Amino acid sequence: MEYVYGALVLHAAGKPVSEENLKKVLTAAGVKVDDTRVKALTAALEGVNIDEALKAAVAMPAAAPAAAPAAEKKDEKKKEEKKEEEKVSEEEAAAGLGALFGL
């Protein structure tokens, strides 16, 4: 996570997110730098518009909680339907048993 935070700090400061700059930020923060992770992150961010990615990331959490209550309502409806099915099944079973004994 600190690698991503370092890249965000560089971006916010208007500096290019390069291996050299990211290493400097991480070292200044007291992080033991892993060159492989630095290279992987800078390669992954190459050609990415960080501003657009941040806007998309901010918009996503706002939509996620709205979907959760709908899912809960569906679960409640399914539970109610199952209870109704169980009740009908018990009544039918009882009626079938009565027929066996001539009731």
PDB file of N, CA and C in Angstrom:
ATOM      1  N   MET A   1       0.809  -1.179   0.000  1.00  0.00           N
ATOM      2  CA  MET A   1       0.000   0.000   0.000  1.00  0.00           C
ATOM      3  C   MET A   1       0.860   1.255   0.000  1.00  0.00           C
ATOM      4  N   GLU A   2       1.971   1.175   0.701  1.00  0.00           N
ATOM      5  CA  GLU A   2       2.773   2.382   0.770  1.00  0.00           C
ATOM      6  C   GLU A   2       3.326   2.775  -0.593  1.00  0.00           C
ATOM      7  N   TYR A   3       3.472   1.818  -1.480  1.00  0.00           N
ATOM      8  CA  TYR A   3       3.958   2.121  -2.827  1.00  0.00           C
ATOM      9  C   TYR A   3       2.916   2.937  -3.593  1.00  0.00           C
ATOM     10  N   VAL A   4       1.670   2.543  -3.461  1.00  0.00           N
ATOM     11  CA  VAL A   4       0.592   3.283  -4.124  1.00  0.00           C
ATOM     12  C   VAL A   4       0.470   4.673  -3.515  1.00  0.00           C
ATOM     13  N   TYR A   5       0.553   4.744  -2.192  1.00  0.00           N
ATOM     14  CA  TYR A   5       0.491   6.054  -1.534  1.00  0.00           C
ATOM     15  C   TYR A   5       1.641   6.946  -2.003  1.00  0.00           C
ATOM     16  N   GLY A   6       2.808   6.363  -2.148  1.00  0.00           N
ATOM     17  CA  GLY A   6       3.946   7.132  -2.639  1.00  0.00           C
ATOM     18  C   GLY A   6       3.695   7.678  -4.038  1.00  0.00           C
ATOM     19  N   ALA A   7       3.100   6.850  -4.882  1.00  0.00           N
ATOM     20  CA  ALA A   7       2.774   7.303  -6.239  1.00  0.00           C
ATOM     21  C   ALA A   7       1.736   8.423  -6.195  1.00  0.00           C
ATOM     22  N   LEU A   8       0.775   8.319  -5.282  1.00  0.00           N
ATOM     23  CA  LEU A   8      -0.239   9.372  -5.157  1.00  0.00           C
ATOM     24  C   LEU A   8       0.372  10.670  -4.638  1.00  0.00           C
ATOM     25  N   VAL A   9       1.324  10.560  -3.739  1.00  0.00           N
ATOM     26  CA  VAL A   9       2.011  11.755  -3.235  1.00  0.00           C
ATOM     27  C   VAL A   9       2.756  12.430  -4.378  1.00  0.00           C
ATOM     28  N   LEU A  10       3.457  11.647  -5.173  1.00  0.00           N
ATOM     29  CA  LEU A  10       4.170  12.213  -6.318  1.00  0.00           C
ATOM     30  C   LEU A  10       3.211  12.887  -7.286  1.00  0.00           C
ATOM     31  N   HIS A  11       2.109  12.236  -7.557  1.00  0.00           N
ATOM     32  CA  HIS A  11       1.127  12.808  -8.475  1.00  0.00           C
ATOM     33  C   HIS A  11       0.559  14.108  -7.923  1.00  0.00           C
ATOM     34  N   ALA A  12       0.223  14.130  -6.639  1.00  0.00           N
ATOM     35  CA  ALA A  12      -0.337  15.328  -6.012  1.00  0.00           C
ATOM     36  C   ALA A  12       0.664  16.487  -6.024  1.00  0.00           C
ATOM     37  N   ALA A  13       1.947  16.146  -5.932  1.00  0.00           N
ATOM     38  CA  ALA A  13       2.992  17.168  -5.955  1.00  0.00           C
ATOM     39  C   ALA A  13       3.332  17.614  -7.373  1.00  0.00           C
ATOM     40  N   GLY A  14       2.734  16.958  -8.369  1.00  0.00           N
ATOM     41  CA  GLY A  14       2.991  17.324  -9.755  1.00  0.00           C
ATOM     42  C   GLY A  14       4.290  16.753 -10.294  1.00  0.00           C
ATOM     43  N   LYS A  15       4.837  15.780  -9.613  1.00  0.00           N
ATOM     44  CA  LYS A  15       6.089  15.140 -10.054  1.00  0.00           C
ATOM     45  C   LYS A  15       5.760  13.884 -10.840  1.00  0.00           C
ATOM     46  N   PRO A  16       6.629  13.511 -11.779  1.00  0.00           N
ATOM     47  CA  PRO A  16       6.390  12.276 -12.527  1.00  0.00           C
ATOM     48  C   PRO A  16       6.553  11.049 -11.626  1.00  0.00           C
ATOM     49  N   VAL A  17       5.689  10.058 -11.838  1.00  0.00           N
ATOM     50  CA  VAL A  17       5.770   8.823 -11.061  1.00  0.00           C
ATOM     51  C   VAL A  17       6.772   7.913 -11.759  1.00  0.00           C
ATOM     52  N   SER A  18       8.033   8.091 -11.390  1.00  0.00           N
ATOM     53  CA  SER A  18       9.118   7.300 -11.965  1.00  0.00           C
ATOM     54  C   SER A  18       9.721   6.435 -10.868  1.00  0.00           C
ATOM     55  N   GLU A  19      10.517   5.473 -11.271  1.00  0.00           N
ATOM     56  CA  GLU A  19      11.165   4.588 -10.302  1.00  0.00           C
ATOM     57  C   GLU A  19      12.021   5.394  -9.326  1.00  0.00           C
ATOM     58  N   GLU A  20      12.788   6.300  -9.864  1.00  0.00           N
ATOM     59  CA  GLU A  20      13.692   7.103  -9.036  1.00  0.00           C
ATOM     60  C   GLU A  20      12.916   7.944  -8.020  1.00  0.00           C
ATOM     61  N   ASN A  21      11.888   8.636  -8.484  1.00  0.00           N
ATOM     62  CA  ASN A  21      11.106   9.488  -7.587  1.00  0.00           C
ATOM     63  C   ASN A  21      10.360   8.665  -6.536  1.00  0.00           C
ATOM     64  N   LEU A  22       9.812   7.537  -6.942  1.00  0.00           N
ATOM     65  CA  LEU A  22       9.077   6.697  -6.004  1.00  0.00           C
ATOM     66  C   LEU A  22      10.013   6.134  -4.925  1.00  0.00           C
ATOM     67  N   LYS A  23      11.216   5.748  -5.329  1.00  0.00           N
ATOM     68  CA  LYS A  23      12.196   5.260  -4.355  1.00  0.00           C
ATOM     69  C   LYS A  23      12.541   6.344  -3.335  1.00  0.00           C
ATOM     70  N   LYS A  24      12.691   7.582  -3.812  1.00  0.00           N
ATOM     71  CA  LYS A  24      13.012   8.696  -2.912  1.00  0.00           C
ATOM     72  C   LYS A  24      11.897   8.913  -1.892  1.00  0.00           C
ATOM     73  N   VAL A  25      10.655   8.894  -2.358  1.00  0.00           N
ATOM     74  CA  VAL A  25       9.518   9.111  -1.458  1.00  0.00           C
ATOM     75  C   VAL A  25       9.433   7.991  -0.427  1.00  0.00           C
ATOM     76  N   LEU A  26       9.578   6.761  -0.875  1.00  0.00           N
ATOM     77  CA  LEU A  26       9.486   5.622   0.035  1.00  0.00           C
ATOM     78  C   LEU A  26      10.615   5.628   1.060  1.00  0.00           C
ATOM     79  N   THR A  27      11.815   5.952   0.618  1.00  0.00           N
ATOM     80  CA  THR A  27      12.959   6.011   1.520  1.00  0.00           C
ATOM     81  C   THR A  27      12.743   7.115   2.554  1.00  0.00           C
ATOM     82  N   ALA A  28      12.252   8.260   2.117  1.00  0.00           N
ATOM     83  CA  ALA A  28      11.993   9.366   3.036  1.00  0.00           C
ATOM     84  C   ALA A  28      10.922   8.999   4.063  1.00  0.00           C
ATOM     85  N   ALA A  29      10.001   8.120   3.680  1.00  0.00           N
ATOM     86  CA  ALA A  29       8.945   7.689   4.593  1.00  0.00           C
ATOM     87  C   ALA A  29       9.400   6.562   5.507  1.00  0.00           C
ATOM     88  N   GLY A  30      10.620   6.071   5.318  1.00  0.00           N
ATOM     89  CA  GLY A  30      11.151   5.019   6.172  1.00  0.00           C
ATOM     90  C   GLY A  30      10.759   3.617   5.744  1.00  0.00           C
ATOM     91  N   VAL A  31      10.376   3.470   4.491  1.00  0.00           N
ATOM     92  CA  VAL A  31       9.975   2.166   3.966  1.00  0.00           C
ATOM     93  C   VAL A  31      11.182   1.496   3.330  1.00  0.00           C
ATOM     94  N   LYS A  32      11.332   0.193   3.616  1.00  0.00           N
ATOM     95  CA  LYS A  32      12.395  -0.569   2.954  1.00  0.00           C
ATOM     96  C   LYS A  32      11.934  -0.821   1.523  1.00  0.00           C
ATOM     97  N   VAL A  33      12.651  -0.279   0.568  1.00  0.00           N
ATOM     98  CA  VAL A  33      12.235  -0.289  -0.828  1.00  0.00           C
ATOM     99  C   VAL A  33      12.553  -1.625  -1.485  1.00  0.00           C
ATOM    100  N   ASP A  34      11.542  -2.180  -2.170  1.00  0.00           N
ATOM    101  CA  ASP A  34      11.695  -3.397  -2.968  1.00  0.00           C
ATOM    102  C   ASP A  34      11.682  -2.955  -4.430  1.00  0.00           C
ATOM    103  N   ASP A  35      12.825  -3.073  -5.092  1.00  0.00           N
ATOM    104  CA  ASP A  35      12.961  -2.595  -6.474  1.00  0.00           C
ATOM    105  C   ASP A  35      11.955  -3.251  -7.417  1.00  0.00           C
ATOM    106  N   THR A  36      11.659  -4.513  -7.200  1.00  0.00           N
ATOM    107  CA  THR A  36      10.720  -5.225  -8.069  1.00  0.00           C
ATOM    108  C   THR A  36       9.328  -4.615  -7.975  1.00  0.00           C
ATOM    109  N   ARG A  37       8.906  -4.310  -6.766  1.00  0.00           N
ATOM    110  CA  ARG A  37       7.578  -3.714  -6.579  1.00  0.00           C
ATOM    111  C   ARG A  37       7.510  -2.306  -7.168  1.00  0.00           C
ATOM    112  N   VAL A  38       8.601  -1.566  -7.040  1.00  0.00           N
ATOM    113  CA  VAL A  38       8.661  -0.215  -7.606  1.00  0.00           C
ATOM    114  C   VAL A  38       8.540  -0.295  -9.126  1.00  0.00           C
ATOM    115  N   LYS A  39       9.289  -1.211  -9.735  1.00  0.00           N
ATOM    116  CA  LYS A  39       9.233  -1.366 -11.192  1.00  0.00           C
ATOM    117  C   LYS A  39       7.846  -1.806 -11.645  1.00  0.00           C
ATOM    118  N   ALA A  40       7.245  -2.728 -10.912  1.00  0.00           N
ATOM    119  CA  ALA A  40       5.916  -3.220 -11.274  1.00  0.00           C
ATOM    120  C   ALA A  40       4.878  -2.102 -11.199  1.00  0.00           C
ATOM    121  N   LEU A  41       4.943  -1.303 -10.151  1.00  0.00           N
ATOM    122  CA  LEU A  41       3.967  -0.221 -10.000  1.00  0.00           C
ATOM    123  C   LEU A  41       4.146   0.845 -11.071  1.00  0.00           C
ATOM    124  N   THR A  42       5.363   1.248 -11.317  1.00  0.00           N
ATOM    125  CA  THR A  42       5.583   2.282 -12.328  1.00  0.00           C
ATOM    126  C   THR A  42       5.190   1.769 -13.713  1.00  0.00           C
ATOM    127  N   ALA A  43       5.421   0.497 -13.977  1.00  0.00           N
ATOM    128  CA  ALA A  43       5.011  -0.076 -15.265  1.00  0.00           C
ATOM    129  C   ALA A  43       3.487  -0.130 -15.368  1.00  0.00           C
ATOM    130  N   ALA A  44       2.826  -0.470 -14.264  1.00  0.00           N
ATOM    131  CA  ALA A  44       1.361  -0.550 -14.269  1.00  0.00           C
ATOM    132  C   ALA A  44       0.722   0.823 -14.426  1.00  0.00           C
ATOM    133  N   LEU A  45       1.378   1.850 -13.911  1.00  0.00           N
ATOM    134  CA  LEU A  45       0.820   3.206 -13.991  1.00  0.00           C
ATOM    135  C   LEU A  45       1.193   3.929 -15.287  1.00  0.00           C
ATOM    136  N   GLU A  46       2.048   3.317 -16.067  1.00  0.00           N
ATOM    137  CA  GLU A  46       2.472   3.941 -17.314  1.00  0.00           C
ATOM    138  C   GLU A  46       1.270   4.081 -18.252  1.00  0.00           C
ATOM    139  N   GLY A  47       1.012   5.296 -18.680  1.00  0.00           N
ATOM    140  CA  GLY A  47      -0.102   5.552 -19.589  1.00  0.00           C
ATOM    141  C   GLY A  47      -1.450   5.668 -18.904  1.00  0.00           C
ATOM    142  N   VAL A  48      -1.484   5.584 -17.581  1.00  0.00           N
ATOM    143  CA  VAL A  48      -2.742   5.694 -16.845  1.00  0.00           C
ATOM    144  C   VAL A  48      -2.959   7.150 -16.445  1.00  0.00           C
ATOM    145  N   ASN A  49      -4.164   7.646 -16.698  1.00  0.00           N
ATOM    146  CA  ASN A  49      -4.519   8.989 -16.257  1.00  0.00           C
ATOM    147  C   ASN A  49      -4.964   8.872 -14.798  1.00  0.00           C
ATOM    148  N   ILE A  50      -4.098   9.243 -13.885  1.00  0.00           N
ATOM    149  CA  ILE A  50      -4.354   9.062 -12.460  1.00  0.00           C
ATOM    150  C   ILE A  50      -5.558   9.880 -12.006  1.00  0.00           C
ATOM    151  N   ASP A  51      -5.725  11.074 -12.562  1.00  0.00           N
ATOM    152  CA  ASP A  51      -6.880  11.903 -12.190  1.00  0.00           C
ATOM    153  C   ASP A  51      -8.192  11.195 -12.528  1.00  0.00           C
ATOM    154  N   GLU A  52      -8.271  10.615 -13.711  1.00  0.00           N
ATOM    155  CA  GLU A  52      -9.483   9.890 -14.115  1.00  0.00           C
ATOM    156  C   GLU A  52      -9.696   8.649 -13.254  1.00  0.00           C
ATOM    157  N   ALA A  53      -8.622   7.956 -12.932  1.00  0.00           N
ATOM    158  CA  ALA A  53      -8.723   6.765 -12.091  1.00  0.00           C
ATOM    159  C   ALA A  53      -9.232   7.133 -10.699  1.00  0.00           C
ATOM    160  N   LEU A  54      -8.776   8.263 -10.165  1.00  0.00           N
ATOM    161  CA  LEU A  54      -9.240   8.709  -8.851  1.00  0.00           C
ATOM    162  C   LEU A  54     -10.713   9.104  -8.886  1.00  0.00           C
ATOM    163  N   LYS A  55     -11.138   9.762  -9.953  1.00  0.00           N
ATOM    164  CA  LYS A  55     -12.550  10.127 -10.066  1.00  0.00           C
ATOM    165  C   LYS A  55     -13.432   8.892 -10.134  1.00  0.00           C
ATOM    166  N   ALA A  56     -12.999   7.886 -10.862  1.00  0.00           N
ATOM    167  CA  ALA A  56     -13.762   6.644 -10.977  1.00  0.00           C
ATOM    168  C   ALA A  56     -13.795   5.912  -9.643  1.00  0.00           C
ATOM    169  N   ALA A  57     -12.689   5.953  -8.908  1.00  0.00           N
ATOM    170  CA  ALA A  57     -12.630   5.270  -7.610  1.00  0.00           C
ATOM    171  C   ALA A  57     -13.521   5.954  -6.587  1.00  0.00           C
ATOM    172  N   VAL A  58     -13.637   7.258  -6.661  1.00  0.00           N
ATOM    173  CA  VAL A  58     -14.488   8.004  -5.731  1.00  0.00           C
ATOM    174  C   VAL A  58     -15.954   7.742  -6.036  1.00  0.00           C
ATOM    175  N   ALA A  59     -16.298   7.582  -7.293  1.00  0.00           N
ATOM    176  CA  ALA A  59     -17.693   7.376  -7.682  1.00  0.00           C
ATOM    177  C   ALA A  59     -18.195   5.982  -7.330  1.00  0.00           C
ATOM    178  N   MET A  60     -17.334   4.996  -7.312  1.00  0.00           N
ATOM    179  CA  MET A  60     -17.756   3.619  -7.082  1.00  0.00           C
ATOM    180  C   MET A  60     -18.315   3.372  -5.682  1.00  0.00           C
ATOM    181  N   PRO A  61     -17.670   3.813  -4.591  1.00  0.00           N
ATOM    182  CA  PRO A  61     -18.225   3.529  -3.270  1.00  0.00           C
ATOM    183  C   PRO A  61     -19.603   4.145  -3.054  1.00  0.00           C
ATOM    184  N   ALA A  62     -19.897   5.254  -3.698  1.00  0.00           N
ATOM    185  CA  ALA A  62     -21.199   5.886  -3.526  1.00  0.00           C
ATOM    186  C   ALA A  62     -22.308   5.009  -4.091  1.00  0.00           C
ATOM    187  N   ALA A  63     -22.035   4.264  -5.137  1.00  0.00           N
ATOM    188  CA  ALA A  63     -23.048   3.411  -5.753  1.00  0.00           C
ATOM    189  C   ALA A  63     -23.189   2.068  -5.037  1.00  0.00           C
ATOM    190  N   ALA A  64     -22.141   1.584  -4.433  1.00  0.00           N
ATOM    191  CA  ALA A  64     -22.171   0.263  -3.807  1.00  0.00           C
ATOM    192  C   ALA A  64     -23.150   0.166  -2.636  1.00  0.00           C
ATOM    193  N   PRO A  65     -23.191   1.115  -1.692  1.00  0.00           N
ATOM    194  CA  PRO A  65     -24.141   0.976  -0.584  1.00  0.00           C
ATOM    195  C   PRO A  65     -25.592   1.017  -1.031  1.00  0.00           C
ATOM    196  N   ALA A  66     -25.882   1.681  -2.119  1.00  0.00           N
ATOM    197  CA  ALA A  66     -27.262   1.751  -2.598  1.00  0.00           C
ATOM    198  C   ALA A  66     -27.749   0.384  -3.065  1.00  0.00           C
ATOM    199  N   ALA A  67     -26.856  -0.434  -3.561  1.00  0.00           N
ATOM    200  CA  ALA A  67     -27.241  -1.753  -4.048  1.00  0.00           C
ATOM    201  C   ALA A  67     -27.439  -2.748  -2.902  1.00  0.00           C
ATOM    202  N   ALA A  68     -26.797  -2.531  -1.789  1.00  0.00           N
ATOM    203  CA  ALA A  68     -26.870  -3.479  -0.678  1.00  0.00           C
ATOM    204  C   ALA A  68     -28.278  -3.644  -0.112  1.00  0.00           C
ATOM    205  N   PRO A  69     -29.046  -2.585   0.158  1.00  0.00           N
ATOM    206  CA  PRO A  69     -30.394  -2.783   0.693  1.00  0.00           C
ATOM    207  C   PRO A  69     -31.302  -3.559  -0.256  1.00  0.00           C
ATOM    208  N   ALA A  70     -31.130  -3.382  -1.544  1.00  0.00           N
ATOM    209  CA  ALA A  70     -31.946  -4.123  -2.504  1.00  0.00           C
ATOM    210  C   ALA A  70     -31.656  -5.619  -2.386  1.00  0.00           C
ATOM    211  N   ALA A  71     -30.413  -5.960  -2.196  1.00  0.00           N
ATOM    212  CA  ALA A  71     -30.050  -7.366  -2.050  1.00  0.00           C
ATOM    213  C   ALA A  71     -30.650  -7.944  -0.772  1.00  0.00           C
ATOM    214  N   GLU A  72     -30.677  -7.157   0.292  1.00  0.00           N
ATOM    215  CA  GLU A  72     -31.266  -7.617   1.546  1.00  0.00           C
ATOM    216  C   GLU A  72     -32.757  -7.874   1.382  1.00  0.00           C
ATOM    217  N   LYS A  73     -33.442  -7.000   0.639  1.00  0.00           N
ATOM    218  CA  LYS A  73     -34.872  -7.176   0.418  1.00  0.00           C
ATOM    219  C   LYS A  73     -35.146  -8.461  -0.356  1.00  0.00           C
ATOM    220  N   LYS A  74     -34.303  -8.764  -1.335  1.00  0.00           N
ATOM    221  CA  LYS A  74     -34.465  -9.989  -2.110  1.00  0.00           C
ATOM    222  C   LYS A  74     -34.294 -11.205  -1.226  1.00  0.00           C
ATOM    223  N   ASP A  75     -33.297 -11.138  -0.330  1.00  0.00           N
ATOM    224  CA  ASP A  75     -33.070 -12.252   0.589  1.00  0.00           C
ATOM    225  C   ASP A  75     -34.273 -12.451   1.502  1.00  0.00           C
ATOM    226  N   GLU A  76     -34.858 -11.342   1.982  1.00  0.00           N
ATOM    227  CA  GLU A  76     -36.026 -11.434   2.855  1.00  0.00           C
ATOM    228  C   GLU A  76     -37.204 -12.061   2.104  1.00  0.00           C
ATOM    229  N   LYS A  77     -37.392 -11.659   0.850  1.00  0.00           N
ATOM    230  CA  LYS A  77     -38.488 -12.210   0.052  1.00  0.00           C
ATOM    231  C   LYS A  77     -38.283 -13.706  -0.168  1.00  0.00           C
ATOM    232  N   LYS A  78     -37.052 -14.101  -0.431  1.00  0.00           N
ATOM    233  CA  LYS A  78     -36.767 -15.520  -0.644  1.00  0.00           C
ATOM    234  C   LYS A  78     -37.056 -16.316   0.617  1.00  0.00           C
ATOM    235  N   LYS A  79     -36.685 -15.771   1.769  1.00  0.00           N
ATOM    236  CA  LYS A  79     -36.938 -16.455   3.033  1.00  0.00           C
ATOM    237  C   LYS A  79     -38.435 -16.599   3.277  1.00  0.00           C
ATOM    238  N   GLU A  80     -39.204 -15.524   2.979  1.00  0.00           N
ATOM    239  CA  GLU A  80     -40.653 -15.575   3.163  1.00  0.00           C
ATOM    240  C   GLU A  80     -41.276 -16.618   2.238  1.00  0.00           C
ATOM    241  N   GLU A  81     -40.794 -16.667   0.995  1.00  0.00           N
ATOM    242  CA  GLU A  81     -41.315 -17.640   0.043  1.00  0.00           C
ATOM    243  C   GLU A  81     -41.022 -19.063   0.499  1.00  0.00           C
ATOM    244  N   LYS A  82     -39.823 -19.275   1.025  1.00  0.00           N
ATOM    245  CA  LYS A  82     -39.461 -20.608   1.499  1.00  0.00           C
ATOM    246  C   LYS A  82     -40.334 -21.019   2.675  1.00  0.00           C
ATOM    247  N   LYS A  83     -40.624 -20.077   3.584  1.00  0.00           N
ATOM    248  CA  LYS A  83     -41.471 -20.375   4.725  1.00  0.00           C
ATOM    249  C   LYS A  83     -42.872 -20.764   4.254  1.00  0.00           C
ATOM    250  N   GLU A  84     -43.387 -20.015   3.265  1.00  0.00           N
ATOM    251  CA  GLU A  84     -44.717 -20.322   2.733  1.00  0.00           C
ATOM    252  C   GLU A  84     -44.724 -21.703   2.079  1.00  0.00           C
ATOM    253  N   GLU A  85     -43.670 -22.023   1.342  1.00  0.00           N
ATOM    254  CA  GLU A  85     -43.579 -23.325   0.694  1.00  0.00           C
ATOM    255  C   GLU A  85     -43.532 -24.437   1.738  1.00  0.00           C
ATOM    256  N   GLU A  86     -42.798 -24.208   2.827  1.00  0.00           N
ATOM    257  CA  GLU A  86     -42.709 -25.210   3.876  1.00  0.00           C
ATOM    258  C   GLU A  86     -44.068 -25.429   4.533  1.00  0.00           C
ATOM    259  N   LYS A  87     -44.822 -24.347   4.744  1.00  0.00           N
ATOM    260  CA  LYS A  87     -46.135 -24.465   5.359  1.00  0.00           C
ATOM    261  C   LYS A  87     -47.070 -25.275   4.473  1.00  0.00           C
ATOM    262  N   VAL A  88     -47.069 -25.004   3.204  1.00  0.00           N
ATOM    263  CA  VAL A  88     -47.923 -25.727   2.270  1.00  0.00           C
ATOM    264  C   VAL A  88     -47.511 -27.191   2.240  1.00  0.00           C
ATOM    265  N   SER A  89     -46.236 -27.424   2.233  1.00  0.00           N
ATOM    266  CA  SER A  89     -45.750 -28.798   2.190  1.00  0.00           C
ATOM    267  C   SER A  89     -46.189 -29.569   3.423  1.00  0.00           C
ATOM    268  N   GLU A  90     -46.162 -28.964   4.601  1.00  0.00           N
ATOM    269  CA  GLU A  90     -46.579 -29.625   5.830  1.00  0.00           C
ATOM    270  C   GLU A  90     -48.080 -29.930   5.793  1.00  0.00           C
ATOM    271  N   GLU A  91     -48.870 -28.983   5.284  1.00  0.00           N
ATOM    272  CA  GLU A  91     -50.322 -29.185   5.202  1.00  0.00           C
ATOM    273  C   GLU A  91     -50.659 -30.314   4.232  1.00  0.00           C
ATOM    274  N   GLU A  92     -49.975 -30.325   3.110  1.00  0.00           N
ATOM    275  CA  GLU A  92     -50.216 -31.375   2.135  1.00  0.00           C
ATOM    276  C   GLU A  92     -49.808 -32.726   2.694  1.00  0.00           C
ATOM    277  N   ALA A  93     -48.713 -32.759   3.397  1.00  0.00           N
ATOM    278  CA  ALA A  93     -48.231 -34.009   3.979  1.00  0.00           C
ATOM    279  C   ALA A  93     -49.237 -34.524   5.017  1.00  0.00           C
ATOM    280  N   ALA A  94     -49.780 -33.627   5.823  1.00  0.00           N
ATOM    281  CA  ALA A  94     -50.749 -34.022   6.837  1.00  0.00           C
ATOM    282  C   ALA A  94     -52.026 -34.570   6.184  1.00  0.00           C
ATOM    283  N   ALA A  95     -52.454 -33.929   5.100  1.00  0.00           N
ATOM    284  CA  ALA A  95     -53.650 -34.381   4.385  1.00  0.00           C
ATOM    285  C   ALA A  95     -53.419 -35.773   3.783  1.00  0.00           C
ATOM    286  N   GLY A  96     -52.234 -35.999   3.264  1.00  0.00           N
ATOM    287  CA  GLY A  96     -51.898 -37.288   2.692  1.00  0.00           C
ATOM    288  C   GLY A  96     -51.885 -38.385   3.736  1.00  0.00           C
ATOM    289  N   LEU A  97     -51.413 -38.104   4.926  1.00  0.00           N
ATOM    290  CA  LEU A  97     -51.375 -39.085   6.004  1.00  0.00           C
ATOM    291  C   LEU A  97     -52.805 -39.437   6.461  1.00  0.00           C
ATOM    292  N   GLY A  98     -53.679 -38.429   6.488  1.00  0.00           N
ATOM    293  CA  GLY A  98     -55.071 -38.664   6.878  1.00  0.00           C
ATOM    294  C   GLY A  98     -55.752 -39.617   5.943  1.00  0.00           C
ATOM    295  N   ALA A  99     -55.418 -39.536   4.675  1.00  0.00           N
ATOM    296  CA  ALA A  99     -56.035 -40.420   3.683  1.00  0.00           C
ATOM    297  C   ALA A  99     -55.603 -41.872   3.920  1.00  0.00           C
ATOM    298  N   LEU A 100     -54.416 -42.076   4.407  1.00  0.00           N
ATOM    299  CA  LEU A 100     -53.948 -43.421   4.703  1.00  0.00           C
ATOM    300  C   LEU A 100     -54.788 -44.102   5.794  1.00  0.00           C
ATOM    301  N   PHE A 101     -55.248 -43.330   6.725  1.00  0.00           N
ATOM    302  CA  PHE A 101     -55.985 -43.883   7.850  1.00  0.00           C
ATOM    303  C   PHE A 101     -57.496 -43.729   7.692  1.00  0.00           C
ATOM    304  N   GLY A 102     -57.931 -43.284   6.560  1.00  0.00           N
ATOM    305  CA  GLY A 102     -59.364 -43.172   6.287  1.00  0.00           C
ATOM    306  C   GLY A 102     -59.992 -41.948   6.940  1.00  0.00           C
ATOM    307  N   LEU A 103     -59.226 -40.912   7.187  1.00  0.00           N
ATOM    308  CA  LEU A 103     -59.780 -39.692   7.777  1.00  0.00           C
ATOM    309  C   LEU A 103     -60.186 -38.705   6.734  1.00  0.00           C
TER     310      LEU A 103
END
